[in-house]
């Protein structure tokens, strides 16, 4: 049986820290991540989904992150 757990964070830095901790916990066999996705909304409201391969620590920023128009 699988469980779906969704957690929201107020900022990307906090989410990144939690992701890093989850990867460490999986490496130490404390948790077993069957699958994971990182979902964030950019300044224009568009959703971006990242599914890190093999749960490697990853935090991808689009090329336009932080860019102003």
N, C-alpha and C. Protein backbone atom coordinates (compact mmCIF):
# COMPACT_ATOMS: atom_id res chain seq x y z
N UNK A 1 0.84 -1.18 0.00
CA UNK A 1 0.00 0.00 0.00
C UNK A 1 0.88 1.24 0.00
N UNK A 2 0.53 2.21 -0.81
CA UNK A 2 1.29 3.45 -0.90
C UNK A 2 0.49 4.58 -0.28
N UNK A 3 1.20 5.56 0.21
CA UNK A 3 0.59 6.76 0.76
C UNK A 3 1.05 7.95 -0.06
N UNK A 4 0.14 8.87 -0.29
CA UNK A 4 0.48 10.12 -0.96
C UNK A 4 0.55 11.19 0.10
N UNK A 5 1.69 11.85 0.18
CA UNK A 5 1.89 12.91 1.16
C UNK A 5 2.25 14.18 0.39
N UNK A 6 1.50 15.23 0.64
CA UNK A 6 1.74 16.51 -0.01
C UNK A 6 2.00 17.54 1.08
N UNK A 7 3.10 18.27 0.94
CA UNK A 7 3.46 19.29 1.93
C UNK A 7 3.80 20.56 1.19
N UNK A 8 3.25 21.67 1.62
CA UNK A 8 3.56 22.97 1.02
C UNK A 8 4.45 23.79 1.93
N UNK A 9 5.29 24.58 1.34
CA UNK A 9 6.20 25.44 2.10
C UNK A 9 6.08 26.87 1.60
N UNK A 10 6.33 27.84 2.47
CA UNK A 10 6.15 29.24 2.09
C UNK A 10 7.20 29.76 1.11
N UNK A 11 8.33 29.07 1.02
CA UNK A 11 9.39 29.53 0.12
C UNK A 11 10.21 28.34 -0.37
N UNK A 12 10.94 28.56 -1.44
CA UNK A 12 11.72 27.49 -2.06
C UNK A 12 12.91 27.06 -1.20
N UNK A 13 13.48 27.98 -0.44
CA UNK A 13 14.63 27.62 0.39
C UNK A 13 14.24 26.58 1.44
N UNK A 14 13.09 26.77 2.06
CA UNK A 14 12.61 25.80 3.06
C UNK A 14 12.34 24.46 2.39
N UNK A 15 11.68 24.49 1.24
CA UNK A 15 11.40 23.25 0.52
C UNK A 15 12.69 22.54 0.13
N UNK A 16 13.70 23.28 -0.28
CA UNK A 16 14.99 22.69 -0.65
C UNK A 16 15.63 22.01 0.56
N UNK A 17 15.57 22.66 1.72
CA UNK A 17 16.14 22.08 2.93
C UNK A 17 15.44 20.78 3.31
N UNK A 18 14.13 20.76 3.20
CA UNK A 18 13.37 19.55 3.50
C UNK A 18 13.71 18.45 2.50
N UNK A 19 13.81 18.80 1.22
CA UNK A 19 14.18 17.80 0.20
C UNK A 19 15.55 17.19 0.53
N UNK A 20 16.52 18.03 0.87
CA UNK A 20 17.85 17.54 1.21
C UNK A 20 17.79 16.57 2.39
N UNK A 21 16.97 16.91 3.40
CA UNK A 21 16.81 16.03 4.56
C UNK A 21 16.17 14.70 4.17
N UNK A 22 15.17 14.74 3.29
CA UNK A 22 14.53 13.50 2.83
C UNK A 22 15.51 12.59 2.11
N UNK A 23 16.35 13.17 1.27
CA UNK A 23 17.35 12.37 0.55
C UNK A 23 18.31 11.71 1.55
N UNK A 24 18.72 12.45 2.57
CA UNK A 24 19.60 11.88 3.60
C UNK A 24 18.90 10.75 4.35
N UNK A 25 17.62 10.97 4.69
CA UNK A 25 16.87 9.94 5.40
C UNK A 25 16.71 8.69 4.55
N UNK A 26 16.51 8.86 3.27
CA UNK A 26 16.40 7.68 2.39
C UNK A 26 17.75 6.96 2.32
N UNK A 27 18.82 7.71 2.21
CA UNK A 27 20.15 7.12 2.16
C UNK A 27 20.43 6.30 3.42
N UNK A 28 19.93 6.78 4.57
CA UNK A 28 20.12 6.09 5.85
C UNK A 28 19.05 5.03 6.11
N UNK A 29 18.19 4.76 5.13
CA UNK A 29 17.12 3.77 5.22
C UNK A 29 16.10 4.09 6.31
N UNK A 30 15.88 5.36 6.58
CA UNK A 30 14.87 5.77 7.55
C UNK A 30 13.51 5.91 6.85
N UNK A 31 13.52 6.38 5.61
CA UNK A 31 12.31 6.47 4.81
C UNK A 31 12.56 5.76 3.48
N UNK A 32 11.47 5.37 2.84
CA UNK A 32 11.56 4.71 1.54
C UNK A 32 10.69 5.50 0.57
N UNK A 33 11.32 6.31 -0.26
CA UNK A 33 10.58 7.10 -1.24
C UNK A 33 10.40 6.27 -2.50
N UNK A 34 9.17 5.93 -2.77
CA UNK A 34 8.88 5.18 -3.99
C UNK A 34 8.95 6.09 -5.20
N UNK A 35 8.50 7.30 -5.02
CA UNK A 35 8.55 8.30 -6.07
C UNK A 35 8.41 9.66 -5.42
N UNK A 36 8.84 10.69 -6.09
CA UNK A 36 8.75 12.04 -5.54
C UNK A 36 8.70 13.05 -6.67
N UNK A 37 8.13 14.19 -6.37
CA UNK A 37 8.07 15.29 -7.33
C UNK A 37 8.19 16.60 -6.58
N UNK A 38 8.86 17.53 -7.20
CA UNK A 38 8.96 18.88 -6.66
C UNK A 38 8.13 19.76 -7.58
N UNK A 39 7.17 20.44 -7.01
CA UNK A 39 6.28 21.29 -7.80
C UNK A 39 6.38 22.71 -7.26
N UNK A 40 6.63 23.64 -8.15
CA UNK A 40 6.71 25.04 -7.72
C UNK A 40 5.98 25.92 -8.73
N UNK A 41 5.56 27.05 -8.26
CA UNK A 41 4.86 28.01 -9.11
C UNK A 41 5.77 29.21 -9.31
N UNK A 42 5.98 29.62 -10.57
CA UNK A 42 6.84 30.77 -10.83
C UNK A 42 6.07 32.08 -10.65
N UNK A 43 6.73 33.16 -10.87
CA UNK A 43 6.13 34.49 -10.66
C UNK A 43 4.94 34.76 -11.57
N UNK A 44 4.88 34.06 -12.68
CA UNK A 44 3.77 34.23 -13.62
C UNK A 44 2.63 33.26 -13.34
N UNK A 45 2.76 32.45 -12.29
CA UNK A 45 1.72 31.52 -11.93
C UNK A 45 1.81 30.16 -12.60
N UNK A 46 2.83 29.96 -13.42
CA UNK A 46 2.98 28.68 -14.13
C UNK A 46 3.62 27.64 -13.19
N UNK A 47 3.07 26.42 -13.24
CA UNK A 47 3.60 25.34 -12.42
C UNK A 47 4.76 24.65 -13.13
N UNK A 48 5.77 24.28 -12.36
CA UNK A 48 6.93 23.55 -12.86
C UNK A 48 7.07 22.28 -12.01
N UNK A 49 7.15 21.14 -12.67
CA UNK A 49 7.25 19.86 -11.98
C UNK A 49 8.62 19.25 -12.28
N UNK A 50 9.33 18.89 -11.22
CA UNK A 50 10.61 18.21 -11.36
C UNK A 50 10.48 16.85 -10.68
N UNK A 51 10.84 15.80 -11.40
CA UNK A 51 10.85 14.46 -10.81
C UNK A 51 12.30 13.98 -10.84
N UNK A 52 13.01 14.22 -9.76
CA UNK A 52 14.43 13.89 -9.72
C UNK A 52 14.68 12.40 -9.95
N UNK A 53 15.59 12.10 -10.86
CA UNK A 53 15.96 10.71 -11.16
C UNK A 53 16.62 10.08 -9.95
N UNK A 54 16.11 8.95 -9.55
CA UNK A 54 16.68 8.19 -8.44
C UNK A 54 16.78 9.01 -7.16
N UNK A 55 15.96 10.02 -7.05
CA UNK A 55 15.89 10.86 -5.85
C UNK A 55 17.23 11.50 -5.50
N UNK A 56 17.99 11.84 -6.51
CA UNK A 56 19.24 12.56 -6.28
C UNK A 56 18.89 13.97 -5.83
N UNK A 57 19.71 14.56 -4.98
CA UNK A 57 19.42 15.92 -4.55
C UNK A 57 19.46 16.87 -5.75
N UNK A 58 18.34 17.42 -6.06
CA UNK A 58 18.24 18.27 -7.24
C UNK A 58 17.26 19.38 -6.98
N UNK A 59 17.56 20.51 -7.44
CA UNK A 59 16.63 21.63 -7.33
C UNK A 59 16.85 22.48 -8.57
N UNK A 60 16.05 22.24 -9.57
CA UNK A 60 16.26 22.92 -10.84
C UNK A 60 15.54 24.24 -10.88
N UNK A 61 16.22 25.24 -11.34
CA UNK A 61 15.63 26.57 -11.54
C UNK A 61 15.55 26.81 -13.04
N UNK A 62 14.43 27.32 -13.53
CA UNK A 62 14.37 27.62 -14.95
C UNK A 62 15.36 28.73 -15.30
N UNK A 63 15.75 28.79 -16.53
CA UNK A 63 16.74 29.77 -16.96
C UNK A 63 16.27 31.19 -16.67
N UNK A 64 14.97 31.40 -16.61
CA UNK A 64 14.46 32.74 -16.38
C UNK A 64 14.24 33.06 -14.91
N UNK A 65 14.63 32.18 -14.01
CA UNK A 65 14.41 32.43 -12.58
C UNK A 65 15.11 33.71 -12.17
N UNK A 66 14.38 34.56 -11.54
CA UNK A 66 14.95 35.81 -11.07
C UNK A 66 15.04 36.89 -12.13
N UNK A 67 14.75 36.56 -13.35
CA UNK A 67 14.82 37.55 -14.43
C UNK A 67 13.61 38.48 -14.36
N UNK A 68 13.84 39.70 -14.68
CA UNK A 68 12.73 40.67 -14.71
C UNK A 68 12.52 41.16 -16.13
N UNK A 69 11.29 41.47 -16.42
CA UNK A 69 10.99 41.97 -17.77
C UNK A 69 10.47 43.37 -17.70
